[in-house]
Amino acid sequence: MSDELEEILILSSQKDFKDRLRELHGKLLRAARFGGFDKESEKKQKKVRDILRDVANNGYEAVRKYTKKFDKVDLRRDEFRVSPEQLENAHREIEQEHKQLLASVRKMIGNVRDYQTGIFVGNKKENRHPGIKYTPIKRVGICVPGASAPLPSTVIMTAVPAQVAGVKEIVVVSPPRYNKDIHPVTLAVCCELGLNEVYRVGGAQAVAVLASEKTIPKVDKIVGPGNPWVQTAKNMVSGAYAAIDSVAGPSEVLIIANDKANPSWVAADMLSQAEHAPGSAVLFTDSEGLAKKVLDELEKQVEQLDRAERTKECLMEFGKIAQFDNMDDVVPAANEFAAEHLEIQCGEESREIADRIENAGAIFIGDYSPVAVGDYWAGPSHTLPTGQTAKFFSALSANDFVKSISIIEYDKKKLADSAEDIIRLAETEGLDAHAKSIRIRQQS
């Protein structure tokens, strides 16, 4: 057992047990965005604000400057938007060279579309109250992170719910970081979904492009993951310039497990989040025996990973194995933690414990429901709230891409029946003109 990894194990008998859990909460909150009041956070917030202002004022020239600075790509104006031919070429390439991958992508799209259609309020007759009308948001922007590996799942998990809701204009932004371009698999998935407005831009400057009018028509809502620069920018434009889904930080998994859980599976699921680097992997258990077995498994399995060193560092920074006295202490602690992904591996008790969970982005019940099933296959979007924001944000869904409009339609008799009450309330608030707008109709 590594002396290093032993540091992530905390027992309920230790005096600093609660303090160490609170410390982890704080780290996750700070990792999501530059939201602190310390000088370093304020300095970075100012940089984000400066980027937003620069792009809003100077448009493409500012985008080119920041893309060259941060992504090391000198983007010509005619390269800013991905052409239809480039999208089609990328799709043709995956169709010819990666047929099985394309088949899996199409199954994933089908699963997500079926699930999102099933939960969409616009499709449910019982929600068609005569006093409310649902209309789709007109124009939506999707942030897709750029990396050496493609992220087609992010495109699917954000665009498909929007399409189910009836959004007509979907814009994708992603930095040119794969051979000075967006990864061809990401472009191929955009083409598969019929998304033809794709731009080579990332970071805070991508959010600025979406939220201002200088480079492209602005969007009404911005969704998708990203680093703290992206999330801070989203937070800054939220409300005044566009709506957002949530402020997302490092990926998280909290696993609730008892002595019936398989320690090697629990460890594997923790590592699947820690390998994001940054990514948080936490186990809450009432079994000291399981806690120590999982620690042993983490030490064995982490050495077998391609990103072993980075994953181990991430475990040390954002990982914990916390042993509580009993499960009645675990559940409220889990609700306070409000994890992005919450796995419950407690044998036949798993469903009962899940029913007691109030705060989580997504709940994965039982030994055979690892986070990867939700990330790629089950149908709910994997765009989830992190950093305890599951207390007030929800998983992204088709319902986030519609607005509800109240409908009021009174006839003469119905207004007459209510007139005196309305007048009385208006006069109480000193709004004489409101009261007179009712009286004038009674005189006819």
Protein backbone atom coordinates (compact mmCIF):
# COMPACT_ATOMS: atom_id res chain seq x y z
CA MET A 1 0.00 0.00 0.00
CA SER A 2 1.37 3.41 -0.97
CA ASP A 3 2.10 5.79 1.88
CA GLU A 4 0.99 8.56 -0.48
CA LEU A 5 -2.45 7.14 -1.20
CA GLU A 6 -3.01 6.31 2.47
CA GLU A 7 -3.47 10.05 2.90
CA ILE A 8 -6.86 9.95 1.12
CA LEU A 9 -8.33 7.55 3.72
CA ILE A 10 -10.15 9.27 6.58
CA LEU A 11 -11.96 7.45 9.38
CA SER A 12 -14.88 8.70 11.45
CA SER A 13 -12.74 8.18 14.56
CA GLN A 14 -10.25 10.82 13.42
CA LYS A 15 -10.66 14.26 14.99
CA ASP A 16 -10.22 16.10 11.68
CA PHE A 17 -12.72 13.87 9.80
CA LYS A 18 -15.28 16.65 9.10
CA ASP A 19 -12.60 19.27 8.49
CA ARG A 20 -10.99 17.16 5.75
CA LEU A 21 -14.34 16.64 4.03
CA ARG A 22 -15.04 20.38 4.15
CA GLU A 23 -11.59 21.03 2.72
CA LEU A 24 -12.43 18.84 -0.28
CA HIS A 25 -15.73 20.70 -0.80
CA GLY A 26 -13.82 23.97 -0.94
CA LYS A 27 -11.29 22.65 -3.44
CA LEU A 28 -14.03 21.51 -5.81
CA LEU A 29 -15.86 24.82 -5.60
CA ARG A 30 -12.68 26.76 -6.36
CA ALA A 31 -11.73 24.43 -9.22
CA ALA A 32 -14.96 25.09 -11.12
CA ARG A 33 -14.33 28.79 -11.81
CA PHE A 34 -12.37 31.78 -10.62
CA GLY A 35 -14.98 32.64 -8.05
CA GLY A 36 -12.88 33.37 -4.99
CA PHE A 37 -12.17 36.72 -3.41
CA ASP A 38 -8.42 36.25 -3.19
CA LYS A 39 -6.15 38.38 -5.35
CA GLU A 40 -5.26 35.56 -7.76
CA SER A 41 -8.93 34.75 -8.46
CA GLU A 42 -9.78 38.41 -8.93
CA LYS A 43 -6.84 38.81 -11.30
CA LYS A 44 -8.06 35.91 -13.45
CA GLN A 45 -11.64 37.19 -13.35
CA LYS A 46 -10.38 40.50 -14.71
CA LYS A 47 -8.57 38.70 -17.54
CA VAL A 48 -11.78 36.88 -18.47
CA ARG A 49 -13.73 40.15 -18.37
CA ASP A 50 -11.10 41.81 -20.58
CA ILE A 51 -11.36 38.99 -23.13
CA LEU A 52 -15.17 39.26 -23.18
CA ARG A 53 -14.97 43.02 -23.69
CA ASP A 54 -12.27 42.77 -26.37
CA VAL A 55 -14.21 40.26 -28.48
CA ALA A 56 -17.45 42.20 -28.02
CA ASN A 57 -15.73 45.37 -29.29
CA ASN A 58 -13.27 44.03 -31.87
CA GLY A 59 -14.84 40.81 -33.09
CA TYR A 60 -12.81 38.50 -35.28
CA GLU A 61 -9.51 40.34 -34.80
CA ALA A 62 -9.71 39.73 -31.05
CA VAL A 63 -10.65 36.07 -31.64
CA ARG A 64 -7.63 35.66 -33.92
CA LYS A 65 -5.34 37.25 -31.31
CA TYR A 66 -6.47 34.96 -28.48
CA THR A 67 -6.49 31.83 -30.65
CA LYS A 68 -2.92 32.56 -31.64
CA LYS A 69 -1.95 33.25 -28.02
CA PHE A 70 -3.66 30.30 -26.31
CA ASP A 71 -3.98 27.65 -29.06
CA LYS A 72 -0.89 28.56 -31.10
CA VAL A 73 -2.95 28.77 -34.29
CA ASP A 74 -3.05 31.85 -36.51
CA LEU A 75 -6.63 31.61 -37.70
CA ARG A 76 -7.45 33.35 -40.96
CA ARG A 77 -10.92 34.81 -41.29
CA ASP A 78 -11.91 32.19 -43.87
CA GLU A 79 -10.80 29.43 -41.47
CA PHE A 80 -12.88 30.66 -38.53
CA ARG A 81 -15.98 28.70 -39.59
CA VAL A 82 -15.72 25.06 -40.60
CA SER A 83 -16.97 24.72 -44.17
CA PRO A 84 -19.73 22.28 -45.19
CA GLU A 85 -17.15 20.43 -47.31
CA GLN A 86 -14.87 19.92 -44.30
CA LEU A 87 -17.76 18.58 -42.24
CA GLU A 88 -18.75 16.18 -45.02
CA ASN A 89 -15.14 15.06 -45.54
CA ALA A 90 -14.78 14.28 -41.84
CA HIS A 91 -18.02 12.28 -41.92
CA ARG A 92 -16.93 10.42 -45.03
CA GLU A 93 -13.63 9.55 -43.35
CA ILE A 94 -15.25 8.05 -40.27
CA GLU A 95 -17.78 6.22 -42.45
CA GLN A 96 -15.01 4.62 -44.50
CA GLU A 97 -12.33 4.02 -41.88
CA HIS A 98 -14.25 3.64 -38.60
CA LYS A 99 -17.56 1.99 -39.49
CA GLN A 100 -18.00 0.37 -36.08
CA LEU A 101 -17.41 3.67 -34.30
CA LEU A 102 -20.03 5.35 -36.50
CA ALA A 103 -22.46 2.52 -35.75
CA SER A 104 -21.90 3.02 -32.00
CA VAL A 105 -22.35 6.78 -32.39
CA ARG A 106 -25.66 6.25 -34.16
CA LYS A 107 -26.89 3.91 -31.41
CA MET A 108 -25.87 6.46 -28.80
CA ILE A 109 -27.73 9.21 -30.64
CA GLY A 110 -30.81 6.98 -30.77
CA ASN A 111 -30.66 6.22 -27.05
CA VAL A 112 -30.29 9.88 -26.12
CA ARG A 113 -33.04 10.97 -28.52
CA ASP A 114 -35.47 8.32 -27.18
CA TYR A 115 -34.82 9.24 -23.55
CA GLN A 116 -35.03 13.00 -24.13
CA THR A 117 -38.23 12.63 -26.16
CA GLY A 118 -39.75 10.58 -23.35
CA ILE A 119 -39.10 13.22 -20.68
CA PHE A 120 -39.83 16.30 -22.80
CA VAL A 121 -42.66 18.38 -21.33
CA GLY A 122 -43.80 19.46 -24.77
CA ASN A 123 -44.74 15.86 -25.59
CA LYS A 124 -46.78 15.17 -22.46
CA LYS A 125 -50.53 15.68 -22.78
CA GLU A 126 -50.92 16.09 -19.03
CA ASN A 127 -48.67 19.17 -19.20
CA ARG A 128 -50.68 20.88 -21.93
CA HIS A 129 -52.52 23.23 -19.61
CA PRO A 130 -54.47 25.95 -21.42
CA GLY A 131 -52.67 28.52 -19.28
CA ILE A 132 -49.15 27.74 -20.49
CA LYS A 133 -47.35 27.48 -23.81
CA TYR A 134 -43.91 25.94 -24.41
CA THR A 135 -41.71 27.41 -27.14
CA PRO A 136 -38.16 26.36 -28.03
CA ILE A 137 -35.22 28.70 -27.57
CA LYS A 138 -34.32 30.01 -31.03
CA ARG A 139 -30.52 29.87 -31.02
CA VAL A 140 -28.17 27.84 -28.77
CA GLY A 141 -24.38 27.68 -28.49
CA ILE A 142 -22.53 24.50 -27.48
CA CYS A 143 -19.01 24.56 -26.03
CA VAL A 144 -17.05 21.41 -26.91
CA PRO A 145 -13.60 21.16 -25.27
CA GLY A 146 -10.65 20.46 -27.54
CA ALA A 147 -8.03 17.86 -26.74
CA SER A 148 -5.78 15.27 -28.34
CA ALA A 149 -8.70 12.83 -28.14
CA PRO A 150 -12.10 13.67 -29.67
CA LEU A 151 -15.19 14.36 -27.57
CA PRO A 152 -18.09 13.31 -29.79
CA SER A 153 -20.19 12.41 -26.75
CA THR A 154 -20.27 16.06 -25.64
CA VAL A 155 -21.75 17.07 -28.99
CA ILE A 156 -24.42 14.38 -28.75
CA MET A 157 -25.30 15.00 -25.10
CA THR A 158 -25.88 18.71 -25.69
CA ALA A 159 -27.17 18.95 -29.26
CA VAL A 160 -29.66 16.07 -29.24
CA PRO A 161 -31.66 17.40 -26.26
CA ALA A 162 -31.79 20.79 -28.00
CA GLN A 163 -33.01 19.16 -31.22
CA VAL A 164 -35.70 17.23 -29.35
CA ALA A 165 -36.90 20.54 -27.88
CA GLY A 166 -37.19 22.01 -31.39
CA VAL A 167 -34.20 24.39 -31.38
CA LYS A 168 -33.61 25.41 -34.99
CA GLU A 169 -30.18 27.08 -34.74
CA ILE A 170 -27.40 25.22 -32.94
CA VAL A 171 -23.86 26.65 -32.97
CA VAL A 172 -20.82 24.56 -31.98
CA VAL A 173 -17.55 26.14 -30.82
CA SER A 174 -14.40 24.11 -30.20
CA PRO A 175 -10.70 25.10 -30.11
CA PRO A 176 -8.34 24.01 -32.91
CA ARG A 177 -6.09 21.85 -30.76
CA TYR A 178 -5.89 18.63 -32.76
CA ASN A 179 -3.29 19.18 -35.48
CA LYS A 180 -4.32 22.85 -35.43
CA ASP A 181 -7.94 21.96 -36.06
CA ILE A 182 -11.03 20.44 -34.42
CA HIS A 183 -10.75 16.67 -34.19
CA PRO A 184 -12.30 15.04 -37.30
CA VAL A 185 -14.44 12.66 -35.21
CA THR A 186 -16.03 15.66 -33.49
CA LEU A 187 -16.67 17.24 -36.90
CA ALA A 188 -18.08 13.97 -38.22
CA VAL A 189 -20.59 13.78 -35.36
CA CYS A 190 -21.62 17.39 -36.00
CA CYS A 191 -22.27 16.40 -39.62
CA GLU A 192 -24.19 13.28 -38.55
CA LEU A 193 -26.48 15.47 -36.44
CA GLY A 194 -26.93 18.07 -39.16
CA LEU A 195 -25.02 20.76 -37.27
CA ASN A 196 -23.47 22.98 -39.92
CA GLU A 197 -22.52 26.09 -37.93
CA VAL A 198 -19.22 25.11 -36.33
CA TYR A 199 -16.41 27.51 -35.36
CA ARG A 200 -12.76 26.94 -34.51
CA VAL A 201 -12.62 28.86 -31.25
CA GLY A 202 -12.36 27.91 -27.59
CA GLY A 203 -11.78 29.37 -24.15
CA ALA A 204 -13.34 32.55 -22.80
CA GLN A 205 -13.16 34.03 -26.31
CA ALA A 206 -15.56 31.33 -27.57
CA VAL A 207 -18.12 32.33 -24.94
CA ALA A 208 -17.62 35.96 -25.98
CA VAL A 209 -18.28 35.03 -29.62
CA LEU A 210 -21.53 33.32 -28.64
CA ALA A 211 -22.72 36.07 -26.31
CA SER A 212 -22.00 39.14 -28.46
CA GLU A 213 -22.97 40.31 -31.96
CA LYS A 214 -19.59 41.34 -33.35
CA THR A 215 -18.54 38.08 -35.04
CA ILE A 216 -21.70 35.96 -35.42
CA PRO A 217 -25.38 36.42 -34.49
CA LYS A 218 -25.51 35.96 -30.70
CA VAL A 219 -27.10 32.92 -29.14
CA ASP A 220 -29.80 32.87 -26.49
CA LYS A 221 -28.31 30.07 -24.38
CA ILE A 222 -24.79 28.67 -23.89
CA VAL A 223 -24.27 25.10 -22.71
CA GLY A 224 -21.45 22.61 -22.38
CA PRO A 225 -18.33 21.88 -20.34
CA GLY A 226 -14.98 23.63 -20.29
CA ASN A 227 -12.07 24.73 -18.15
CA PRO A 228 -12.32 27.48 -15.49
CA TRP A 229 -11.79 30.18 -18.13
CA VAL A 230 -14.84 28.94 -20.06
CA GLN A 231 -16.98 28.48 -16.97
CA THR A 232 -16.06 31.88 -15.53
CA ALA A 233 -16.93 33.49 -18.87
CA LYS A 234 -20.27 31.65 -18.95
CA ASN A 235 -20.99 32.85 -15.43
CA MET A 236 -20.17 36.45 -16.38
CA VAL A 237 -22.47 36.57 -19.43
CA SER A 238 -25.29 34.68 -17.70
CA GLY A 239 -28.51 36.62 -17.40
CA ALA A 240 -27.43 39.85 -19.07
CA TYR A 241 -26.41 38.40 -22.46
CA ALA A 242 -27.47 34.75 -22.55
CA ALA A 243 -28.76 31.94 -20.38
CA ILE A 244 -26.41 29.10 -19.39
CA ASP A 245 -26.87 25.51 -18.28
CA SER A 246 -24.69 25.58 -15.16
CA VAL A 247 -21.15 26.37 -14.03
CA ALA A 248 -19.34 23.05 -14.39
CA GLY A 249 -16.09 22.18 -12.65
CA PRO A 250 -13.95 19.03 -12.57
CA SER A 251 -15.84 15.80 -13.15
CA GLU A 252 -16.92 14.10 -9.91
CA VAL A 253 -18.03 10.72 -8.67
CA LEU A 254 -19.21 9.97 -5.16
CA ILE A 255 -19.69 6.27 -4.48
CA ILE A 256 -21.82 5.08 -1.58
CA ALA A 257 -20.89 1.47 -0.85
CA ASN A 258 -21.18 -1.06 1.97
CA ASP A 259 -19.43 -4.36 2.60
CA LYS A 260 -21.47 -6.00 -0.19
CA ALA A 261 -19.67 -3.95 -2.84
CA ASN A 262 -16.85 -5.31 -4.98
CA PRO A 263 -13.77 -3.29 -3.96
CA SER A 264 -12.05 -3.72 -7.33
CA TRP A 265 -15.12 -2.33 -9.13
CA VAL A 266 -15.38 0.59 -6.73
CA ALA A 267 -11.71 1.42 -7.28
CA ALA A 268 -12.11 1.18 -11.06
CA ASP A 269 -15.04 3.60 -10.95
CA MET A 270 -13.07 6.06 -8.83
CA LEU A 271 -10.17 5.95 -11.27
CA SER A 272 -12.52 6.53 -14.21
CA GLN A 273 -13.15 10.03 -12.85
CA ALA A 274 -9.68 10.72 -11.46
CA GLU A 275 -8.16 10.10 -14.91
CA HIS A 276 -9.84 13.29 -16.13
CA ALA A 277 -7.12 15.09 -14.16
CA PRO A 278 -8.72 17.12 -12.72
CA GLY A 279 -11.48 14.83 -11.59
CA SER A 280 -12.83 14.05 -8.14
CA ALA A 281 -13.26 10.49 -6.88
CA VAL A 282 -14.79 9.96 -3.43
CA LEU A 283 -16.03 6.90 -1.56
CA PHE A 284 -18.42 7.10 1.40
CA THR A 285 -18.79 3.80 3.24
CA ASP A 286 -19.80 2.44 6.64
CA SER A 287 -17.27 -0.42 6.32
CA GLU A 288 -13.65 0.12 7.36
CA GLY A 289 -12.82 -3.23 5.76
CA LEU A 290 -14.16 -2.12 2.38
CA ALA A 291 -12.39 1.22 2.69
CA LYS A 292 -9.00 -0.43 3.12
CA LYS A 293 -9.63 -2.97 0.33
CA VAL A 294 -10.56 -0.18 -2.08
CA LEU A 295 -7.38 1.67 -1.12
CA ASP A 296 -5.35 -1.47 -1.94
CA GLU A 297 -7.15 -1.79 -5.29
CA LEU A 298 -6.53 1.85 -6.16
CA GLU A 299 -2.81 1.34 -5.62
CA LYS A 300 -2.77 -1.72 -7.88
CA GLN A 301 -5.00 -0.40 -10.64
CA VAL A 302 -3.63 3.12 -10.94
CA GLU A 303 -0.23 1.77 -11.99
CA GLN A 304 -1.86 -0.02 -14.94
CA LEU A 305 -3.31 3.17 -16.45
CA ASP A 306 -1.84 5.08 -19.38
CA ARG A 307 -2.05 8.28 -17.30
CA ALA A 308 -0.90 6.68 -14.06
CA GLU A 309 1.11 9.57 -12.61
CA ARG A 310 -1.43 12.28 -13.40
CA THR A 311 -4.29 10.12 -12.13
CA LYS A 312 -2.48 9.43 -8.86
CA GLU A 313 -1.83 13.14 -8.39
CA CYS A 314 -5.50 13.83 -9.02
CA LEU A 315 -6.51 11.24 -6.39
CA MET A 316 -4.26 12.97 -3.89
CA GLU A 317 -5.75 16.37 -4.70
CA PHE A 318 -9.44 15.58 -5.18
CA GLY A 319 -9.89 12.04 -3.84
CA LYS A 320 -11.14 10.72 -0.51
CA ILE A 321 -12.19 7.44 1.06
CA ALA A 322 -14.35 8.34 4.04
CA GLN A 323 -15.49 5.68 6.52
CA PHE A 324 -18.57 6.67 8.53
CA ASP A 325 -20.02 4.97 11.60
CA ASN A 326 -23.21 3.92 9.79
CA MET A 327 -25.25 4.46 6.63
CA ASP A 328 -27.56 6.91 8.42
CA ASP A 329 -24.56 9.24 8.62
CA VAL A 330 -23.55 8.59 5.01
CA VAL A 331 -26.81 9.71 3.37
CA PRO A 332 -26.95 13.28 4.80
CA ALA A 333 -23.25 13.68 4.04
CA ALA A 334 -23.92 12.62 0.44
CA ASN A 335 -26.78 15.12 0.17
CA GLU A 336 -24.48 17.85 1.44
CA PHE A 337 -21.78 16.79 -1.05
CA ALA A 338 -24.31 17.02 -3.93
CA ALA A 339 -22.11 15.12 -6.37
CA GLU A 340 -22.27 15.27 -10.15
CA HIS A 341 -22.31 11.45 -10.41
CA LEU A 342 -23.54 9.42 -7.45
CA GLU A 343 -23.07 5.65 -7.57
CA ILE A 344 -24.76 3.42 -5.00
CA GLN A 345 -23.28 -0.07 -4.60
CA CYS A 346 -25.02 -1.46 -1.52
CA GLY A 347 -26.53 -4.72 -2.75
CA GLU A 348 -30.28 -5.03 -2.18
CA GLU A 349 -30.25 -1.80 -0.14
CA SER A 350 -29.15 0.30 -3.14
CA ARG A 351 -32.62 1.34 -4.28
CA GLU A 352 -33.74 2.27 -0.76
CA ILE A 353 -30.67 4.46 -0.28
CA ALA A 354 -31.22 6.07 -3.70
CA ASP A 355 -34.72 7.07 -2.62
CA ARG A 356 -33.19 9.07 0.25
CA ILE A 357 -30.87 11.08 -2.02
CA GLU A 358 -32.05 14.64 -2.67
CA ASN A 359 -28.98 16.26 -4.25
CA ALA A 360 -27.09 14.72 -7.18
CA GLY A 361 -26.63 15.34 -10.89
CA ALA A 362 -27.31 11.70 -11.76
CA ILE A 363 -27.76 8.58 -9.62
CA PHE A 364 -26.32 5.22 -10.75
CA ILE A 365 -27.98 2.38 -8.86
CA GLY A 366 -26.39 -1.04 -8.35
CA ASP A 367 -23.13 -2.80 -9.17
CA TYR A 368 -23.73 -2.82 -12.93
CA SER A 369 -24.40 0.89 -13.45
CA PRO A 370 -20.99 2.60 -13.62
CA VAL A 371 -20.73 6.25 -14.67
CA ALA A 372 -19.54 5.23 -18.15
CA VAL A 373 -23.03 3.85 -18.89
CA GLY A 374 -24.47 7.30 -18.29
CA ASP A 375 -21.64 9.11 -20.06
CA TYR A 376 -22.15 7.23 -23.30
CA TRP A 377 -25.24 5.13 -23.49
CA ALA A 378 -28.27 5.26 -21.17
CA GLY A 379 -29.84 8.43 -22.59
CA PRO A 380 -29.73 11.15 -19.91
CA SER A 381 -27.28 13.92 -20.79
CA HIS A 382 -23.88 13.67 -19.15
CA THR A 383 -23.80 17.47 -18.90
CA LEU A 384 -24.35 17.65 -15.15
CA PRO A 385 -23.95 20.13 -12.28
CA THR A 386 -20.72 19.90 -10.27
CA GLY A 387 -19.14 21.49 -7.20
CA GLN A 388 -22.26 21.13 -5.01
CA THR A 389 -24.39 23.02 -7.55
CA ALA A 390 -26.63 19.93 -7.83
CA LYS A 391 -28.42 21.52 -4.86
CA PHE A 392 -29.98 23.98 -7.32
CA PHE A 393 -28.99 22.95 -10.89
CA SER A 394 -30.21 19.87 -12.77
CA ALA A 395 -28.92 17.57 -15.47
CA LEU A 396 -29.18 19.17 -18.91
CA SER A 397 -32.26 17.91 -20.74
CA ALA A 398 -34.60 18.77 -23.59
CA ASN A 399 -36.67 20.74 -21.08
CA ASP A 400 -33.82 23.24 -20.67
CA PHE A 401 -34.22 24.34 -24.27
CA VAL A 402 -37.83 25.53 -24.04
CA LYS A 403 -39.37 28.58 -22.43
CA SER A 404 -42.79 28.58 -20.85
CA ILE A 405 -45.12 31.44 -21.72
CA SER A 406 -48.12 32.10 -19.49
CA ILE A 407 -51.48 32.33 -21.32
CA ILE A 408 -54.31 34.46 -19.85
CA GLU A 409 -57.66 34.63 -21.67
CA TYR A 410 -60.73 36.05 -19.85
CA ASP A 411 -64.16 36.77 -21.32
CA LYS A 412 -66.54 39.54 -20.19
CA LYS A 413 -68.30 37.45 -17.56
CA LYS A 414 -65.12 36.01 -16.06
CA LEU A 415 -63.60 39.49 -15.72
CA ALA A 416 -66.78 40.83 -14.16
CA ASP A 417 -66.78 38.04 -11.58
CA SER A 418 -63.22 38.95 -10.51
CA ALA A 419 -63.26 42.73 -11.04
CA GLU A 420 -63.84 43.95 -7.49
CA ASP A 421 -61.09 41.72 -6.08
CA ILE A 422 -58.60 42.87 -8.71
CA ILE A 423 -59.51 46.54 -8.13
CA ARG A 424 -59.14 46.16 -4.37
CA LEU A 425 -55.70 44.60 -4.69
CA ALA A 426 -54.52 47.22 -7.20
CA GLU A 427 -55.69 50.11 -5.03
CA THR A 428 -54.02 48.58 -1.98
CA GLU A 429 -50.72 48.75 -3.86
CA GLY A 430 -51.39 52.33 -4.93
CA LEU A 431 -51.70 51.43 -8.61
CA ASP A 432 -54.68 53.53 -9.61
CA ALA A 433 -54.22 53.01 -13.35
CA HIS A 434 -54.31 49.25 -12.87
CA ALA A 435 -57.67 49.57 -11.09
CA LYS A 436 -59.04 51.91 -13.77
CA SER A 437 -58.08 49.45 -16.54
CA ILE A 438 -60.60 47.09 -14.94
CA ARG A 439 -63.29 49.73 -14.19
CA ILE A 440 -63.34 51.06 -17.75
CA ARG A 441 -64.37 47.64 -19.00
CA GLN A 442 -67.20 47.43 -16.45
CA GLN A 443 -68.69 50.64 -17.81
CA SER A 444 -69.25 49.24 -21.28
